[in-house]
C-alpha atoms as a PDB file:
ATOM      1  CA  UNK A   1     146.197  10.936 155.531  1.00  0.00           C
ATOM      2  CA  UNK A   2     144.962   9.017 152.277  1.00  0.00           C
ATOM      3  CA  UNK A   3     142.868  12.356 151.241  1.00  0.00           C
ATOM      4  CA  UNK A   4     145.692  14.493 151.649  1.00  0.00           C
ATOM      5  CA  UNK A   5     148.249  12.040 149.509  1.00  0.00           C
ATOM      6  CA  UNK A   6     145.382  11.423 146.818  1.00  0.00           C
ATOM      7  CA  UNK A   7     144.927  15.311 146.756  1.00  0.00           C
ATOM      8  CA  UNK A   8     148.784  15.937 146.769  1.00  0.00           C
ATOM      9  CA  UNK A   9     149.019  13.395 143.594  1.00  0.00           C
ATOM     10  CA  UNK A  10     146.315  14.941 141.637  1.00  0.00           C
ATOM     11  CA  UNK A  11     147.548  18.480 142.205  1.00  0.00           C
ATOM     12  CA  UNK A  12     150.938  17.302 140.721  1.00  0.00           C
ATOM     13  CA  UNK A  13     149.188  15.799 138.025  1.00  0.00           C
ATOM     14  CA  UNK A  14     147.238  18.709 136.948  1.00  0.00           C
ATOM     15  CA  UNK A  15     150.356  20.651 137.190  1.00  0.00           C
ATOM     16  CA  UNK A  16     152.637  18.851 135.105  1.00  0.00           C
ATOM     17  CA  UNK A  17     149.571  18.719 132.518  1.00  0.00           C
ATOM     18  CA  UNK A  18     149.462  22.615 132.763  1.00  0.00           C
ATOM     19  CA  UNK A  19     153.122  22.791 132.250  1.00  0.00           C
ATOM     20  CA  UNK A  20     153.048  20.615 129.330  1.00  0.00           C
ATOM     21  CA  UNK A  21     150.402  22.429 127.755  1.00  0.00           C
ATOM     22  CA  UNK A  22     151.956  25.826 128.425  1.00  0.00           C
ATOM     23  CA  UNK A  23     155.403  24.583 126.890  1.00  0.00           C
ATOM     24  CA  UNK A  24     153.356  23.540 123.649  1.00  0.00           C
ATOM     25  CA  UNK A  25     151.906  26.837 123.469  1.00  0.00           C
ATOM     26  CA  UNK A  26     155.574  28.842 124.048  1.00  0.00           C
ATOM     27  CA  UNK A  27     157.247  26.577 121.252  1.00  0.00           C
ATOM     28  CA  UNK A  28     154.042  27.011 119.071  1.00  0.00           C
ATOM     29  CA  UNK A  29     154.547  30.875 119.586  1.00  0.00           C
ATOM     30  CA  UNK A  30     158.457  30.894 119.018  1.00  0.00           C
ATOM     31  CA  UNK A  31     157.861  29.246 115.667  1.00  0.00           C
ATOM     32  CA  UNK A  32     155.184  31.519 114.546  1.00  0.00           C
ATOM     33  CA  UNK A  33     157.493  34.486 115.510  1.00  0.00           C
ATOM     34  CA  UNK A  34     160.054  32.914 113.554  1.00  0.00           C
ATOM     35  CA  UNK A  35     158.039  32.365 110.462  1.00  0.00           C
ATOM     36  CA  UNK A  36     156.744  36.200 110.905  1.00  0.00           C
ATOM     37  CA  UNK A  37     160.280  37.426 110.998  1.00  0.00           C
ATOM     38  CA  UNK A  38     161.234  35.398 107.674  1.00  0.00           C
ATOM     39  CA  UNK A  39     158.399  36.663 106.115  1.00  0.00           C
ATOM     40  CA  UNK A  40     158.931  40.233 107.019  1.00  0.00           C
ATOM     41  CA  UNK A  41     162.741  39.952 105.691  1.00  0.00           C
ATOM     42  CA  UNK A  42     161.525  38.434 102.632  1.00  0.00           C
ATOM     43  CA  UNK A  43     158.942  41.519 102.217  1.00  0.00           C
ATOM     44  CA  UNK A  44     161.453  43.814 102.993  1.00  0.00           C
ATOM     45  CA  UNK A  45     163.976  42.439 100.368  1.00  0.00           C
ATOM     46  CA  UNK A  46     161.672  42.162  97.771  1.00  0.00           C
ATOM     47  CA  UNK A  47     160.396  45.884  98.510  1.00  0.00           C
ATOM     48  CA  UNK A  48     163.971  46.925  98.253  1.00  0.00           C
ATOM     49  CA  UNK A  49     164.366  45.236  94.964  1.00  0.00           C
ATOM     50  CA  UNK A  50     161.269  47.035  93.489  1.00  0.00           C
ATOM     51  CA  UNK A  51     161.993  50.451  94.838  1.00  0.00           C
ATOM     52  CA  UNK A  52     165.793  50.598  94.015  1.00  0.00           C
ATOM     53  CA  UNK A  53     164.962  51.224  90.199  1.00  0.00           C
ATOM     54  CA  UNK A  54     162.480  53.936  90.900  1.00  0.00           C
ATOM     55  CA  UNK A  55     164.740  55.538  93.129  1.00  0.00           C
ATOM     56  CA  UNK A  56     167.299  55.789  90.824  1.00  0.00           C
ATOM     57  CA  UNK A  57     165.138  57.386  88.216  1.00  0.00           C
ATOM     58  CA  UNK A  58     163.885  59.623  90.622  1.00  0.00           C
ATOM     59  CA  UNK A  59     167.704  60.728  91.273  1.00  0.00           C
ATOM     60  CA  UNK A  60     168.447  61.141  87.676  1.00  0.00           C
ATOM     61  CA  UNK A  61     165.151  63.373  87.495  1.00  0.00           C
ATOM     62  CA  UNK A  62     166.244  65.446  90.178  1.00  0.00           C
ATOM     63  CA  UNK A  63     169.797  65.867  88.935  1.00  0.00           C
ATOM     64  CA  UNK A  64     168.206  66.846  85.353  1.00  0.00           C
ATOM     65  CA  UNK A  65     165.696  69.364  87.365  1.00  0.00           C
ATOM     66  CA  UNK A  66     168.780  70.681  89.338  1.00  0.00           C
ATOM     67  CA  UNK A  67     170.916  71.269  86.114  1.00  0.00           C
ATOM     68  CA  UNK A  68     167.941  72.748  84.323  1.00  0.00           C
ATOM     69  CA  UNK A  69     167.350  75.553  87.394  1.00  0.00           C
ATOM     70  CA  UNK A  70     170.955  76.170  87.504  1.00  0.00           C
ATOM     71  CA  UNK A  71     170.958  76.688  83.865  1.00  0.00           C
ATOM     72  CA  UNK A  72     167.915  79.148  84.303  1.00  0.00           C
ATOM     73  CA  UNK A  73     169.209  80.944  87.112  1.00  0.00           C
ATOM     74  CA  UNK A  74     172.599  81.447  85.103  1.00  0.00           C
ATOM     75  CA  UNK A  75     170.651  82.951  82.160  1.00  0.00           C
ATOM     76  CA  UNK A  76     168.476  84.823  84.822  1.00  0.00           C
ATOM     77  CA  UNK A  77     171.627  86.544  86.293  1.00  0.00           C
ATOM     78  CA  UNK A  78     173.328  87.173  82.628  1.00  0.00           C
ATOM     79  CA  UNK A  79     169.707  89.066  81.625  1.00  0.00           C
ATOM     80  CA  UNK A  80     169.737  90.873  84.786  1.00  0.00           C
ATOM     81  CA  UNK A  81     173.641  92.055  84.292  1.00  0.00           C
ATOM     82  CA  UNK A  82     173.087  93.019  80.654  1.00  0.00           C
ATOM     83  CA  UNK A  83     169.841  95.162  81.797  1.00  0.00           C
ATOM     84  CA  UNK A  84     171.650  96.494  84.415  1.00  0.00           C
ATOM     85  CA  UNK A  85     174.602  97.773  82.406  1.00  0.00           C
ATOM     86  CA  UNK A  86     172.256  98.980  79.704  1.00  0.00           C
ATOM     87  CA  UNK A  87     170.165 101.035  81.845  1.00  0.00           C
ATOM     88  CA  UNK A  88     173.278 101.972  83.779  1.00  0.00           C
ATOM     89  CA  UNK A  89     174.893 103.333  80.487  1.00  0.00           C
ATOM     90  CA  UNK A  90     171.432 104.953  79.510  1.00  0.00           C
ATOM     91  CA  UNK A  91     171.091 106.415  82.670  1.00  0.00           C
ATOM     92  CA  UNK A  92     174.372 108.003  82.430  1.00  0.00           C
ATOM     93  CA  UNK A  93     174.106 108.985  79.042  1.00  0.00           C
ATOM     94  CA  UNK A  94     170.646 110.355  79.694  1.00  0.00           C
ATOM     95  CA  UNK A  95     171.793 112.307  82.393  1.00  0.00           C
ATOM     96  CA  UNK A  96     174.686 114.120  80.316  1.00  0.00           C
ATOM     97  CA  UNK A  97     171.838 114.357  77.578  1.00  0.00           C
ATOM     98  CA  UNK A  98     169.696 116.285  80.029  1.00  0.00           C
ATOM     99  CA  UNK A  99     172.217 118.328  81.412  1.00  0.00           C
ATOM    100  CA  UNK A 100     173.208 119.198  77.755  1.00  0.00           C
ATOM    101  CA  UNK A 101     169.823 120.243  76.823  1.00  0.00           C
ATOM    102  CA  UNK A 102     169.197 122.426  79.877  1.00  0.00           C
ATOM    103  CA  UNK A 103     172.391 124.108  79.146  1.00  0.00           C
ATOM    104  CA  UNK A 104     171.511 124.548  75.515  1.00  0.00           C
ATOM    105  CA  UNK A 105     167.877 125.847  76.866  1.00  0.00           C
ATOM    106  CA  UNK A 106     169.176 128.178  79.319  1.00  0.00           C
ATOM    107  CA  UNK A 107     171.618 129.768  76.498  1.00  0.00           C
ATOM    108  CA  UNK A 108     168.911 130.131  73.958  1.00  0.00           C
ATOM    109  CA  UNK A 109     166.629 131.906  76.761  1.00  0.00           C
ATOM    110  CA  UNK A 110     169.549 134.080  77.796  1.00  0.00           C
ATOM    111  CA  UNK A 111     170.073 134.954  74.089  1.00  0.00           C
ATOM    112  CA  UNK A 112     166.284 135.821  73.514  1.00  0.00           C
ATOM    113  CA  UNK A 113     166.453 138.130  76.865  1.00  0.00           C
ATOM    114  CA  UNK A 114     169.259 139.949  75.347  1.00  0.00           C
ATOM    115  CA  UNK A 115     167.669 140.240  72.054  1.00  0.00           C
ATOM    116  CA  UNK A 116     164.433 141.640  73.936  1.00  0.00           C
ATOM    117  CA  UNK A 117     166.158 144.272  75.590  1.00  0.00           C
END
């Protein structure tokens, strides 16, 4: 019975030591994770402060590029409308002029045919 009592006492002593060591490691882990999250928060804040001016500049550049593109698009549409109206008017005038020239040529050929007889 003495051996069982000594074995039980040694088992309890070793278990308590293991629990104390495990508790120390868990506390160290919690402290390390807390420091890690604090450092990650500091890094995220500093990156945000560094990126913020760059994002503002990119936003301004995008606005200016957009305005340039809109201006170019408007000028292209105006030029396209002008060319369409010019070619439309010239085609209309050309069509009338063509029919006028055909009429004159038919009249001249008719007159020449009449004088040939």
